[in-house]
């Protein structure tokens, strides 16, 4: 092999990027210090953008398609190299590929609880978690302000950088909405929509677009959750007697889970007697209520005087023409039978 054949073998003739790793946002074509052959073929696939840098300066940008690298297809690089009069020799350039697709299901969360003023709990600590989608909005800005000269930039690099941005912005948006922590679940979509433009303002300088931002869960301190559970349980009962029974049953269940020790046995026995007395009182109240209902449904005994007065009233109704003779006789017969 001659010297010319060796040099020709070292030239780059095909430039492309197959995205084997779905997490890569920016990828530097591995040139290994080799020169690019004049007339080499560049393939830019869908959802990609290729950029050429000459000695650190941005030269040409290529959208999806297949290109032959000649002076006509490299106007900016030709100008930088002063190739206007023609060029047919190998040249040196750094080639980067950027992915334009949307990167989904990135995670965010508040590393520390956020202290909020709440209309019901006054002050409360809240943790929040969620997902978001991003994409490269401006590859030149992304390369200059975020990627730098890294040969590979993965979406995890952006995800790590955004953690310190999202947490304080979430706290600001949550405070502005004035939503109670108890109503927060029903306002996840509203919070996400409110936060999107706020966080986008911090991503614009890096050429990144926030496609979607979603709150998926929030958590409260243990004592707040326990108080909320008690309120929920109270809303489920009809009256305080039932609530007291519910509380006693819960206490007995907890005592049964820890049967060891005389103290727990005494507590369990005391609760057992208390429960028995409560059940006895409830039965007595139910029996009394039934007796009162039966007394109300039993017809009151009529005296002879009551029956005679009723007959007189019926006679008046017959004289007034309200009752017929036939109706009066029937009712009279019924009343006289009671005497």
C-alpha atoms as a PDB file:
ATOM      1  CA  UNK A   1       0.000   0.000   0.000  1.00  0.00           C
ATOM      2  CA  UNK A   2       1.409   3.370  -1.062  1.00  0.00           C
ATOM      3  CA  UNK A   3       1.397   6.564   0.963  1.00  0.00           C
ATOM      4  CA  UNK A   4      -1.533   7.959  -1.009  1.00  0.00           C
ATOM      5  CA  UNK A   5      -3.605   4.813  -0.351  1.00  0.00           C
ATOM      6  CA  UNK A   6      -2.804   5.025   3.382  1.00  0.00           C
ATOM      7  CA  UNK A   7      -3.872   8.676   3.588  1.00  0.00           C
ATOM      8  CA  UNK A   8      -7.025   7.965   1.612  1.00  0.00           C
ATOM      9  CA  UNK A   9      -7.865   5.102   3.977  1.00  0.00           C
ATOM     10  CA  UNK A  10      -7.724   7.485   6.937  1.00  0.00           C
ATOM     11  CA  UNK A  11     -10.222   9.931   5.448  1.00  0.00           C
ATOM     12  CA  UNK A  12     -13.799  10.027   6.737  1.00  0.00           C
ATOM     13  CA  UNK A  13     -16.211   9.358   3.891  1.00  0.00           C
ATOM     14  CA  UNK A  14     -19.497   8.669   5.751  1.00  0.00           C
ATOM     15  CA  UNK A  15     -20.835  10.715   8.671  1.00  0.00           C
ATOM     16  CA  UNK A  16     -24.011   9.673  10.507  1.00  0.00           C
ATOM     17  CA  UNK A  17     -25.389   8.796  13.948  1.00  0.00           C
ATOM     18  CA  UNK A  18     -27.509   5.803  14.842  1.00  0.00           C
ATOM     19  CA  UNK A  19     -29.204   6.473  18.215  1.00  0.00           C
ATOM     20  CA  UNK A  20     -28.518   3.222  20.041  1.00  0.00           C
ATOM     21  CA  UNK A  21     -28.825   4.966  23.405  1.00  0.00           C
ATOM     22  CA  UNK A  22     -32.236   6.654  23.782  1.00  0.00           C
ATOM     23  CA  UNK A  23     -30.935   8.867  26.608  1.00  0.00           C
ATOM     24  CA  UNK A  24     -28.416  10.811  24.509  1.00  0.00           C
ATOM     25  CA  UNK A  25     -29.343  14.403  23.666  1.00  0.00           C
ATOM     26  CA  UNK A  26     -26.072  15.510  22.038  1.00  0.00           C
ATOM     27  CA  UNK A  27     -23.444  13.282  20.398  1.00  0.00           C
ATOM     28  CA  UNK A  28     -20.011  14.119  18.934  1.00  0.00           C
ATOM     29  CA  UNK A  29     -19.115  12.170  15.823  1.00  0.00           C
ATOM     30  CA  UNK A  30     -15.910  10.210  16.643  1.00  0.00           C
ATOM     31  CA  UNK A  31     -13.416  11.490  14.064  1.00  0.00           C
ATOM     32  CA  UNK A  32     -10.281  10.159  15.819  1.00  0.00           C
ATOM     33  CA  UNK A  33      -8.356  13.180  14.516  1.00  0.00           C
ATOM     34  CA  UNK A  34      -9.016  12.074  10.945  1.00  0.00           C
ATOM     35  CA  UNK A  35      -9.813  14.455   8.123  1.00  0.00           C
ATOM     36  CA  UNK A  36     -13.148  14.564   6.329  1.00  0.00           C
ATOM     37  CA  UNK A  37     -12.957  13.738   2.641  1.00  0.00           C
ATOM     38  CA  UNK A  38     -14.204  16.388   0.278  1.00  0.00           C
ATOM     39  CA  UNK A  39     -17.462  15.010  -1.124  1.00  0.00           C
ATOM     40  CA  UNK A  40     -18.104  12.776   1.911  1.00  0.00           C
ATOM     41  CA  UNK A  41     -21.718  11.795   2.604  1.00  0.00           C
ATOM     42  CA  UNK A  42     -23.583  13.151   5.626  1.00  0.00           C
ATOM     43  CA  UNK A  43     -26.831  11.468   6.722  1.00  0.00           C
ATOM     44  CA  UNK A  44     -29.062  13.274   9.213  1.00  0.00           C
ATOM     45  CA  UNK A  45     -31.985  11.145  10.317  1.00  0.00           C
ATOM     46  CA  UNK A  46     -35.435  12.283  11.389  1.00  0.00           C
ATOM     47  CA  UNK A  47     -35.494  14.050  14.774  1.00  0.00           C
ATOM     48  CA  UNK A  48     -31.799  14.951  14.387  1.00  0.00           C
ATOM     49  CA  UNK A  49     -29.809  18.079  13.640  1.00  0.00           C
ATOM     50  CA  UNK A  50     -26.124  18.083  12.662  1.00  0.00           C
ATOM     51  CA  UNK A  51     -23.775  20.991  13.331  1.00  0.00           C
ATOM     52  CA  UNK A  52     -20.252  21.576  12.025  1.00  0.00           C
ATOM     53  CA  UNK A  53     -17.688  23.525  14.051  1.00  0.00           C
ATOM     54  CA  UNK A  54     -14.514  24.927  12.586  1.00  0.00           C
ATOM     55  CA  UNK A  55     -11.891  25.685  15.224  1.00  0.00           C
ATOM     56  CA  UNK A  56     -14.623  26.224  17.815  1.00  0.00           C
ATOM     57  CA  UNK A  57     -16.819  28.419  15.608  1.00  0.00           C
ATOM     58  CA  UNK A  58     -20.285  27.399  14.451  1.00  0.00           C
ATOM     59  CA  UNK A  59     -20.314  26.745  10.740  1.00  0.00           C
ATOM     60  CA  UNK A  60     -23.107  24.841   9.008  1.00  0.00           C
ATOM     61  CA  UNK A  61     -26.335  23.298  10.364  1.00  0.00           C
ATOM     62  CA  UNK A  62     -28.059  20.368   8.675  1.00  0.00           C
ATOM     63  CA  UNK A  63     -31.664  19.221   9.094  1.00  0.00           C
ATOM     64  CA  UNK A  64     -32.843  15.649   8.276  1.00  0.00           C
ATOM     65  CA  UNK A  65     -31.640  14.517   4.852  1.00  0.00           C
ATOM     66  CA  UNK A  66     -28.624  13.182   2.929  1.00  0.00           C
ATOM     67  CA  UNK A  67     -25.888  15.606   1.878  1.00  0.00           C
ATOM     68  CA  UNK A  68     -22.709  15.536  -0.180  1.00  0.00           C
ATOM     69  CA  UNK A  69     -20.119  17.675   1.591  1.00  0.00           C
ATOM     70  CA  UNK A  70     -18.963  20.013  -1.119  1.00  0.00           C
ATOM     71  CA  UNK A  71     -18.592  23.787  -1.168  1.00  0.00           C
ATOM     72  CA  UNK A  72     -22.189  24.268  -2.371  1.00  0.00           C
ATOM     73  CA  UNK A  73     -23.566  22.418   0.662  1.00  0.00           C
ATOM     74  CA  UNK A  74     -21.215  24.063   3.179  1.00  0.00           C
ATOM     75  CA  UNK A  75     -21.732  27.810   2.609  1.00  0.00           C
ATOM     76  CA  UNK A  76     -20.644  29.040   6.051  1.00  0.00           C
ATOM     77  CA  UNK A  77     -17.684  26.701   6.327  1.00  0.00           C
ATOM     78  CA  UNK A  78     -16.635  27.660   2.794  1.00  0.00           C
ATOM     79  CA  UNK A  79     -16.733  31.310   3.847  1.00  0.00           C
ATOM     80  CA  UNK A  80     -14.705  30.642   6.991  1.00  0.00           C
ATOM     81  CA  UNK A  81     -12.088  28.665   5.049  1.00  0.00           C
ATOM     82  CA  UNK A  82     -12.012  31.100   2.116  1.00  0.00           C
ATOM     83  CA  UNK A  83     -12.943  28.319  -0.296  1.00  0.00           C
ATOM     84  CA  UNK A  84     -14.964  30.546  -2.593  1.00  0.00           C
ATOM     85  CA  UNK A  85     -12.496  29.871  -5.439  1.00  0.00           C
ATOM     86  CA  UNK A  86     -12.919  26.113  -5.129  1.00  0.00           C
ATOM     87  CA  UNK A  87     -11.842  23.315  -2.852  1.00  0.00           C
ATOM     88  CA  UNK A  88     -11.226  19.589  -3.316  1.00  0.00           C
ATOM     89  CA  UNK A  89      -8.940  18.595  -0.447  1.00  0.00           C
ATOM     90  CA  UNK A  90      -9.673  16.895   2.915  1.00  0.00           C
ATOM     91  CA  UNK A  91     -10.658  19.205   5.740  1.00  0.00           C
ATOM     92  CA  UNK A  92     -10.941  19.086   9.508  1.00  0.00           C
ATOM     93  CA  UNK A  93     -14.213  19.845  11.427  1.00  0.00           C
ATOM     94  CA  UNK A  94     -15.937  18.818  14.620  1.00  0.00           C
ATOM     95  CA  UNK A  95     -19.342  17.288  13.887  1.00  0.00           C
ATOM     96  CA  UNK A  96     -22.104  17.067  16.503  1.00  0.00           C
ATOM     97  CA  UNK A  97     -25.545  15.497  16.282  1.00  0.00           C
ATOM     98  CA  UNK A  98     -28.404  16.747  18.417  1.00  0.00           C
ATOM     99  CA  UNK A  99     -31.591  14.809  19.094  1.00  0.00           C
ATOM    100  CA  UNK A 100     -34.793  16.803  18.556  1.00  0.00           C
ATOM    101  CA  UNK A 101     -37.165  14.226  19.985  1.00  0.00           C
ATOM    102  CA  UNK A 102     -39.062  14.625  23.277  1.00  0.00           C
ATOM    103  CA  UNK A 103     -37.521  12.969  26.317  1.00  0.00           C
ATOM    104  CA  UNK A 104     -40.302  11.673  28.549  1.00  0.00           C
ATOM    105  CA  UNK A 105     -40.883  10.526  32.127  1.00  0.00           C
ATOM    106  CA  UNK A 106     -38.107  12.499  33.762  1.00  0.00           C
ATOM    107  CA  UNK A 107     -38.469  12.597  37.536  1.00  0.00           C
ATOM    108  CA  UNK A 108     -38.475  15.541  39.910  1.00  0.00           C
ATOM    109  CA  UNK A 109     -39.081  15.938  43.608  1.00  0.00           C
ATOM    110  CA  UNK A 110     -38.553  18.222  46.562  1.00  0.00           C
ATOM    111  CA  UNK A 111     -35.466  16.960  48.431  1.00  0.00           C
ATOM    112  CA  UNK A 112     -36.614  18.694  51.611  1.00  0.00           C
ATOM    113  CA  UNK A 113     -40.161  19.479  52.825  1.00  0.00           C
ATOM    114  CA  UNK A 114     -41.604  22.814  51.742  1.00  0.00           C
ATOM    115  CA  UNK A 115     -43.114  24.897  54.554  1.00  0.00           C
ATOM    116  CA  UNK A 116     -46.411  26.394  53.409  1.00  0.00           C
ATOM    117  CA  UNK A 117     -49.122  28.539  54.941  1.00  0.00           C
ATOM    118  CA  UNK A 118     -52.301  26.498  54.844  1.00  0.00           C
ATOM    119  CA  UNK A 119     -55.833  27.889  55.428  1.00  0.00           C
ATOM    120  CA  UNK A 120     -56.751  24.870  57.584  1.00  0.00           C
ATOM    121  CA  UNK A 121     -53.497  23.700  59.201  1.00  0.00           C
ATOM    122  CA  UNK A 122     -51.869  27.197  59.358  1.00  0.00           C
ATOM    123  CA  UNK A 123     -48.346  25.968  58.585  1.00  0.00           C
ATOM    124  CA  UNK A 124     -47.519  22.580  57.176  1.00  0.00           C
ATOM    125  CA  UNK A 125     -44.585  20.791  55.565  1.00  0.00           C
ATOM    126  CA  UNK A 126     -45.203  19.244  52.156  1.00  0.00           C
ATOM    127  CA  UNK A 127     -43.141  17.036  49.875  1.00  0.00           C
ATOM    128  CA  UNK A 128     -44.040  16.732  46.209  1.00  0.00           C
ATOM    129  CA  UNK A 129     -43.024  14.484  43.307  1.00  0.00           C
ATOM    130  CA  UNK A 130     -43.780  14.310  39.623  1.00  0.00           C
ATOM    131  CA  UNK A 131     -42.639  13.873  36.019  1.00  0.00           C
ATOM    132  CA  UNK A 132     -41.822  16.164  33.112  1.00  0.00           C
ATOM    133  CA  UNK A 133     -40.953  16.049  29.380  1.00  0.00           C
ATOM    134  CA  UNK A 134     -38.244  18.121  27.660  1.00  0.00           C
ATOM    135  CA  UNK A 135     -36.644  18.568  24.241  1.00  0.00           C
ATOM    136  CA  UNK A 136     -33.896  20.656  22.678  1.00  0.00           C
ATOM    137  CA  UNK A 137     -35.432  23.946  21.585  1.00  0.00           C
ATOM    138  CA  UNK A 138     -32.336  25.650  20.163  1.00  0.00           C
ATOM    139  CA  UNK A 139     -29.361  23.361  19.524  1.00  0.00           C
ATOM    140  CA  UNK A 140     -26.872  26.229  19.190  1.00  0.00           C
ATOM    141  CA  UNK A 141     -27.864  27.663  22.574  1.00  0.00           C
ATOM    142  CA  UNK A 142     -27.967  24.182  24.114  1.00  0.00           C
ATOM    143  CA  UNK A 143     -24.479  23.432  22.833  1.00  0.00           C
ATOM    144  CA  UNK A 144     -23.038  26.780  23.948  1.00  0.00           C
ATOM    145  CA  UNK A 145     -24.723  27.202  27.347  1.00  0.00           C
ATOM    146  CA  UNK A 146     -25.162  23.636  28.567  1.00  0.00           C
ATOM    147  CA  UNK A 147     -23.210  20.985  26.666  1.00  0.00           C
ATOM    148  CA  UNK A 148     -19.929  22.790  26.078  1.00  0.00           C
ATOM    149  CA  UNK A 149     -17.312  20.484  24.594  1.00  0.00           C
ATOM    150  CA  UNK A 150     -18.649  17.257  26.114  1.00  0.00           C
ATOM    151  CA  UNK A 151     -18.599  14.444  23.542  1.00  0.00           C
ATOM    152  CA  UNK A 152     -21.881  13.066  24.915  1.00  0.00           C
ATOM    153  CA  UNK A 153     -24.691  14.769  26.832  1.00  0.00           C
ATOM    154  CA  UNK A 154     -27.379  12.528  28.281  1.00  0.00           C
ATOM    155  CA  UNK A 155     -30.823  13.531  29.474  1.00  0.00           C
ATOM    156  CA  UNK A 156     -29.817  12.473  32.986  1.00  0.00           C
ATOM    157  CA  UNK A 157     -27.355  15.388  32.988  1.00  0.00           C
ATOM    158  CA  UNK A 158     -30.230  17.797  32.376  1.00  0.00           C
ATOM    159  CA  UNK A 159     -32.420  15.991  34.902  1.00  0.00           C
ATOM    160  CA  UNK A 160     -29.784  16.430  37.622  1.00  0.00           C
ATOM    161  CA  UNK A 161     -29.351  20.129  36.814  1.00  0.00           C
ATOM    162  CA  UNK A 162     -33.112  20.782  36.966  1.00  0.00           C
ATOM    163  CA  UNK A 163     -33.568  19.461  40.496  1.00  0.00           C
ATOM    164  CA  UNK A 164     -32.303  22.705  42.007  1.00  0.00           C
ATOM    165  CA  UNK A 165     -34.558  24.726  39.692  1.00  0.00           C
ATOM    166  CA  UNK A 166     -37.882  22.928  40.117  1.00  0.00           C
ATOM    167  CA  UNK A 167     -38.065  22.685  43.912  1.00  0.00           C
ATOM    168  CA  UNK A 168     -38.099  26.435  44.722  1.00  0.00           C
ATOM    169  CA  UNK A 169     -40.348  27.177  41.743  1.00  0.00           C
ATOM    170  CA  UNK A 170     -42.858  24.588  42.944  1.00  0.00           C
ATOM    171  CA  UNK A 171     -42.914  26.200  46.388  1.00  0.00           C
ATOM    172  CA  UNK A 172     -43.576  29.639  44.845  1.00  0.00           C
ATOM    173  CA  UNK A 173     -46.398  28.379  42.621  1.00  0.00           C
ATOM    174  CA  UNK A 174     -48.024  26.418  45.435  1.00  0.00           C
ATOM    175  CA  UNK A 175     -47.982  29.452  47.718  1.00  0.00           C
ATOM    176  CA  UNK A 176     -49.577  31.628  45.017  1.00  0.00           C
ATOM    177  CA  UNK A 177     -52.475  29.230  44.388  1.00  0.00           C
ATOM    178  CA  UNK A 178     -53.521  29.218  48.075  1.00  0.00           C
ATOM    179  CA  UNK A 179     -54.796  25.647  47.710  1.00  0.00           C
ATOM    180  CA  UNK A 180     -55.271  23.717  50.952  1.00  0.00           C
ATOM    181  CA  UNK A 181     -53.135  20.613  51.294  1.00  0.00           C
ATOM    182  CA  UNK A 182     -56.343  18.593  51.634  1.00  0.00           C
ATOM    183  CA  UNK A 183     -57.463  19.826  48.193  1.00  0.00           C
ATOM    184  CA  UNK A 184     -54.079  19.526  46.547  1.00  0.00           C
ATOM    185  CA  UNK A 185     -54.782  16.191  44.860  1.00  0.00           C
ATOM    186  CA  UNK A 186     -57.687  17.638  42.900  1.00  0.00           C
ATOM    187  CA  UNK A 187     -55.464  20.514  41.723  1.00  0.00           C
ATOM    188  CA  UNK A 188     -52.463  18.580  40.364  1.00  0.00           C
ATOM    189  CA  UNK A 189     -53.260  19.537  36.766  1.00  0.00           C
ATOM    190  CA  UNK A 190     -53.713  23.206  37.670  1.00  0.00           C
ATOM    191  CA  UNK A 191     -50.403  23.251  39.541  1.00  0.00           C
ATOM    192  CA  UNK A 192     -48.612  21.634  36.582  1.00  0.00           C
ATOM    193  CA  UNK A 193     -50.020  24.178  34.139  1.00  0.00           C
ATOM    194  CA  UNK A 194     -49.092  27.047  36.454  1.00  0.00           C
ATOM    195  CA  UNK A 195     -45.540  25.817  36.907  1.00  0.00           C
ATOM    196  CA  UNK A 196     -44.784  25.132  33.232  1.00  0.00           C
ATOM    197  CA  UNK A 197     -44.240  28.765  32.102  1.00  0.00           C
ATOM    198  CA  UNK A 198     -42.457  29.616  35.363  1.00  0.00           C
ATOM    199  CA  UNK A 199     -39.876  26.844  34.914  1.00  0.00           C
ATOM    200  CA  UNK A 200     -39.643  27.506  31.162  1.00  0.00           C
ATOM    201  CA  UNK A 201     -38.243  30.958  31.917  1.00  0.00           C
ATOM    202  CA  UNK A 202     -35.265  29.277  33.609  1.00  0.00           C
ATOM    203  CA  UNK A 203     -34.758  26.797  30.744  1.00  0.00           C
ATOM    204  CA  UNK A 204     -34.810  29.299  27.877  1.00  0.00           C
ATOM    205  CA  UNK A 205     -31.177  30.400  28.480  1.00  0.00           C
ATOM    206  CA  UNK A 206     -30.105  26.771  27.918  1.00  0.00           C
ATOM    207  CA  UNK A 207     -32.110  26.193  24.723  1.00  0.00           C
ATOM    208  CA  UNK A 208     -34.369  23.596  26.387  1.00  0.00           C
ATOM    209  CA  UNK A 209     -38.150  23.402  26.010  1.00  0.00           C
ATOM    210  CA  UNK A 210     -40.352  22.114  28.830  1.00  0.00           C
ATOM    211  CA  UNK A 211     -42.988  20.149  26.918  1.00  0.00           C
ATOM    212  CA  UNK A 212     -44.993  18.937  29.917  1.00  0.00           C
ATOM    213  CA  UNK A 213     -44.838  19.243  33.695  1.00  0.00           C
ATOM    214  CA  UNK A 214     -46.946  17.074  35.978  1.00  0.00           C
ATOM    215  CA  UNK A 215     -47.411  16.746  39.750  1.00  0.00           C
ATOM    216  CA  UNK A 216     -48.070  13.080  40.550  1.00  0.00           C
ATOM    217  CA  UNK A 217     -48.032  12.892  44.355  1.00  0.00           C
ATOM    218  CA  UNK A 218     -47.652  14.870  47.567  1.00  0.00           C
ATOM    219  CA  UNK A 219     -46.954  13.726  51.100  1.00  0.00           C
ATOM    220  CA  UNK A 220     -47.666  15.353  54.460  1.00  0.00           C
ATOM    221  CA  UNK A 221     -46.035  14.954  57.873  1.00  0.00           C
ATOM    222  CA  UNK A 222     -47.187  11.913  59.838  1.00  0.00           C
ATOM    223  CA  UNK A 223     -49.064  13.930  62.470  1.00  0.00           C
ATOM    224  CA  UNK A 224     -51.037  15.810  59.798  1.00  0.00           C
ATOM    225  CA  UNK A 225     -51.975  12.565  58.046  1.00  0.00           C
ATOM    226  CA  UNK A 226     -53.146  11.063  61.370  1.00  0.00           C
ATOM    227  CA  UNK A 227     -55.293  14.118  62.095  1.00  0.00           C
ATOM    228  CA  UNK A 228     -56.767  13.986  58.600  1.00  0.00           C
ATOM    229  CA  UNK A 229     -57.572  10.276  59.057  1.00  0.00           C
ATOM    230  CA  UNK A 230     -59.430  11.053  62.301  1.00  0.00           C
ATOM    231  CA  UNK A 231     -61.463  13.741  60.594  1.00  0.00           C
ATOM    232  CA  UNK A 232     -62.347  11.298  57.842  1.00  0.00           C
ATOM    233  CA  UNK A 233     -63.396   8.646  60.354  1.00  0.00           C
ATOM    234  CA  UNK A 234     -65.618  11.140  62.202  1.00  0.00           C
ATOM    235  CA  UNK A 235     -67.330  12.091  58.962  1.00  0.00           C
ATOM    236  CA  UNK A 236     -68.151   8.434  58.407  1.00  0.00           C
ATOM    237  CA  UNK A 237     -70.183   8.037  61.625  1.00  0.00           C
ATOM    238  CA  UNK A 238     -73.721   9.273  62.302  1.00  0.00           C
ATOM    239  CA  UNK A 239     -73.297  10.438  65.896  1.00  0.00           C
ATOM    240  CA  UNK A 240     -70.820  10.637  68.755  1.00  0.00           C
ATOM    241  CA  UNK A 241     -72.060   7.402  70.369  1.00  0.00           C
ATOM    242  CA  UNK A 242     -71.079   5.481  67.277  1.00  0.00           C
ATOM    243  CA  UNK A 243     -67.786   7.353  67.077  1.00  0.00           C
ATOM    244  CA  UNK A 244     -66.990   6.438  70.699  1.00  0.00           C
ATOM    245  CA  UNK A 245     -67.762   2.808  69.926  1.00  0.00           C
ATOM    246  CA  UNK A 246     -65.473   3.023  66.922  1.00  0.00           C
ATOM    247  CA  UNK A 247     -62.659   4.520  69.050  1.00  0.00           C
ATOM    248  CA  UNK A 248     -63.101   1.843  71.742  1.00  0.00           C
ATOM    249  CA  UNK A 249     -63.023  -0.923  69.145  1.00  0.00           C
ATOM    250  CA  UNK A 250     -59.806   0.491  67.730  1.00  0.00           C
ATOM    251  CA  UNK A 251     -58.215   0.651  71.181  1.00  0.00           C
ATOM    252  CA  UNK A 252     -59.225  -2.964  71.875  1.00  0.00           C
ATOM    253  CA  UNK A 253     -57.711  -4.024  68.563  1.00  0.00           C
ATOM    254  CA  UNK A 254     -54.419  -2.310  69.415  1.00  0.00           C
ATOM    255  CA  UNK A 255     -54.410  -3.911  72.885  1.00  0.00           C
ATOM    256  CA  UNK A 256     -55.000  -7.334  71.318  1.00  0.00           C
ATOM    257  CA  UNK A 257     -51.968  -6.822  69.087  1.00  0.00           C
ATOM    258  CA  UNK A 258     -49.823  -6.328  72.207  1.00  0.00           C
ATOM    259  CA  UNK A 259     -51.202  -8.837  74.764  1.00  0.00           C
ATOM    260  CA  UNK A 260     -48.036  -9.184  76.885  1.00  0.00           C
ATOM    261  CA  UNK A 261     -47.798  -7.635  80.369  1.00  0.00           C
ATOM    262  CA  UNK A 262     -50.257  -7.146  83.207  1.00  0.00           C
ATOM    263  CA  UNK A 263     -50.768  -3.504  82.387  1.00  0.00           C
ATOM    264  CA  UNK A 264     -51.996  -4.283  78.900  1.00  0.00           C
ATOM    265  CA  UNK A 265     -54.275  -7.013  80.257  1.00  0.00           C
ATOM    266  CA  UNK A 266     -55.812  -4.554  82.724  1.00  0.00           C
ATOM    267  CA  UNK A 267     -56.292  -1.998  79.992  1.00  0.00           C
ATOM    268  CA  UNK A 268     -57.857  -4.621  77.748  1.00  0.00           C
ATOM    269  CA  UNK A 269     -60.183  -5.764  80.534  1.00  0.00           C
ATOM    270  CA  UNK A 270     -61.198  -2.198  81.341  1.00  0.00           C
ATOM    271  CA  UNK A 271     -61.980  -1.526  77.729  1.00  0.00           C
ATOM    272  CA  UNK A 272     -63.918  -4.785  77.590  1.00  0.00           C
ATOM    273  CA  UNK A 273     -66.123  -3.735  80.510  1.00  0.00           C
ATOM    274  CA  UNK A 274     -66.541  -0.294  79.024  1.00  0.00           C
ATOM    275  CA  UNK A 275     -67.578  -1.798  75.726  1.00  0.00           C
ATOM    276  CA  UNK A 276     -70.031  -4.145  77.463  1.00  0.00           C
ATOM    277  CA  UNK A 277     -71.623  -1.289  79.414  1.00  0.00           C
ATOM    278  CA  UNK A 278     -71.894   0.766  76.274  1.00  0.00           C
ATOM    279  CA  UNK A 279     -73.574  -2.087  74.412  1.00  0.00           C
ATOM    280  CA  UNK A 280     -76.003  -2.615  77.327  1.00  0.00           C
ATOM    281  CA  UNK A 281     -76.927   1.050  77.359  1.00  0.00           C
ATOM    282  CA  UNK A 282     -77.434   0.993  73.636  1.00  0.00           C
ATOM    283  CA  UNK A 283     -79.771  -2.036  73.894  1.00  0.00           C
ATOM    284  CA  UNK A 284     -81.792  -0.347  76.653  1.00  0.00           C
ATOM    285  CA  UNK A 285     -82.104   2.791  74.551  1.00  0.00           C
ATOM    286  CA  UNK A 286     -83.284   0.744  71.582  1.00  0.00           C
ATOM    287  CA  UNK A 287     -85.864  -1.109  73.701  1.00  0.00           C
ATOM    288  CA  UNK A 288     -87.179   2.153  75.146  1.00  0.00           C
ATOM    289  CA  UNK A 289     -87.454   3.615  71.661  1.00  0.00           C
ATOM    290  CA  UNK A 290     -89.413   0.571  70.474  1.00  0.00           C
ATOM    291  CA  UNK A 291     -91.816   0.825  73.436  1.00  0.00           C
ATOM    292  CA  UNK A 292     -92.401   4.499  72.759  1.00  0.00           C
ATOM    293  CA  UNK A 293     -93.115   3.753  69.123  1.00  0.00           C
ATOM    294  CA  UNK A 294     -95.609   0.994  70.013  1.00  0.00           C
ATOM    295  CA  UNK A 295     -97.397   3.308  72.460  1.00  0.00           C
ATOM    296  CA  UNK A 296     -97.693   5.943  69.765  1.00  0.00           C
ATOM    297  CA  UNK A 297     -99.175   3.443  67.309  1.00  0.00           C
ATOM    298  CA  UNK A 298    -101.745   1.997  69.814  1.00  0.00           C
ATOM    299  CA  UNK A 299    -105.171   3.700  69.417  1.00  0.00           C
ATOM    300  CA  UNK A 300    -106.427   5.566  72.471  1.00  0.00           C
ATOM    301  CA  UNK A 301    -109.414   3.907  74.286  1.00  0.00           C
ATOM    302  CA  UNK A 302    -112.699   5.761  73.701  1.00  0.00           C
ATOM    303  CA  UNK A 303    -115.233   6.484  76.488  1.00  0.00           C
ATOM    304  CA  UNK A 304    -119.055   6.455  76.153  1.00  0.00           C
ATOM    305  CA  UNK A 305    -119.019  10.223  76.324  1.00  0.00           C
ATOM    306  CA  UNK A 306    -116.529  10.400  73.406  1.00  0.00           C
ATOM    307  CA  UNK A 307    -118.766   8.175  71.263  1.00  0.00           C
ATOM    308  CA  UNK A 308    -121.909  10.232  72.027  1.00  0.00           C
ATOM    309  CA  UNK A 309    -120.126  13.459  71.169  1.00  0.00           C
ATOM    310  CA  UNK A 310    -118.982  11.917  67.864  1.00  0.00           C
ATOM    311  CA  UNK A 311    -122.579  10.954  67.059  1.00  0.00           C
ATOM    312  CA  UNK A 312    -123.716  14.520  67.697  1.00  0.00           C
ATOM    313  CA  UNK A 313    -121.021  15.852  65.367  1.00  0.00           C
ATOM    314  CA  UNK A 314    -122.064  13.377  62.678  1.00  0.00           C
ATOM    315  CA  UNK A 315    -125.733  14.550  63.089  1.00  0.00           C
ATOM    316  CA  UNK A 316    -124.618  18.129  62.466  1.00  0.00           C
ATOM    317  CA  UNK A 317    -122.740  17.059  59.332  1.00  0.00           C
ATOM    318  CA  UNK A 318    -125.862  15.271  58.059  1.00  0.00           C
ATOM    319  CA  UNK A 319    -128.025  18.381  58.661  1.00  0.00           C
ATOM    320  CA  UNK A 320    -125.469  20.474  56.770  1.00  0.00           C
ATOM    321  CA  UNK A 321    -125.749  18.099  53.819  1.00  0.00           C
ATOM    322  CA  UNK A 322    -122.134  16.985  54.064  1.00  0.00           C
ATOM    323  CA  UNK A 323    -123.110  13.385  54.937  1.00  0.00           C
ATOM    324  CA  UNK A 324    -125.940  11.433  53.308  1.00  0.00           C
ATOM    325  CA  UNK A 325    -128.485   9.535  55.355  1.00  0.00           C
ATOM    326  CA  UNK A 326    -126.884   6.282  54.269  1.00  0.00           C
ATOM    327  CA  UNK A 327    -123.374   7.383  55.345  1.00  0.00           C
ATOM    328  CA  UNK A 328    -124.711   8.675  58.656  1.00  0.00           C
ATOM    329  CA  UNK A 329    -126.572   5.405  59.425  1.00  0.00           C
ATOM    330  CA  UNK A 330    -123.464   3.318  58.650  1.00  0.00           C
ATOM    331  CA  UNK A 331    -121.228   5.385  60.923  1.00  0.00           C
ATOM    332  CA  UNK A 332    -123.893   5.478  63.660  1.00  0.00           C
ATOM    333  CA  UNK A 333    -124.137   1.688  63.609  1.00  0.00           C
ATOM    334  CA  UNK A 334    -120.328   1.398  63.921  1.00  0.00           C
ATOM    335  CA  UNK A 335    -120.158   3.755  66.895  1.00  0.00           C
ATOM    336  CA  UNK A 336    -123.076   2.170  68.774  1.00  0.00           C
ATOM    337  CA  UNK A 337    -121.377  -1.204  68.436  1.00  0.00           C
ATOM    338  CA  UNK A 338    -118.476   0.145  70.512  1.00  0.00           C
ATOM    339  CA  UNK A 339    -120.718   0.911  73.509  1.00  0.00           C
END
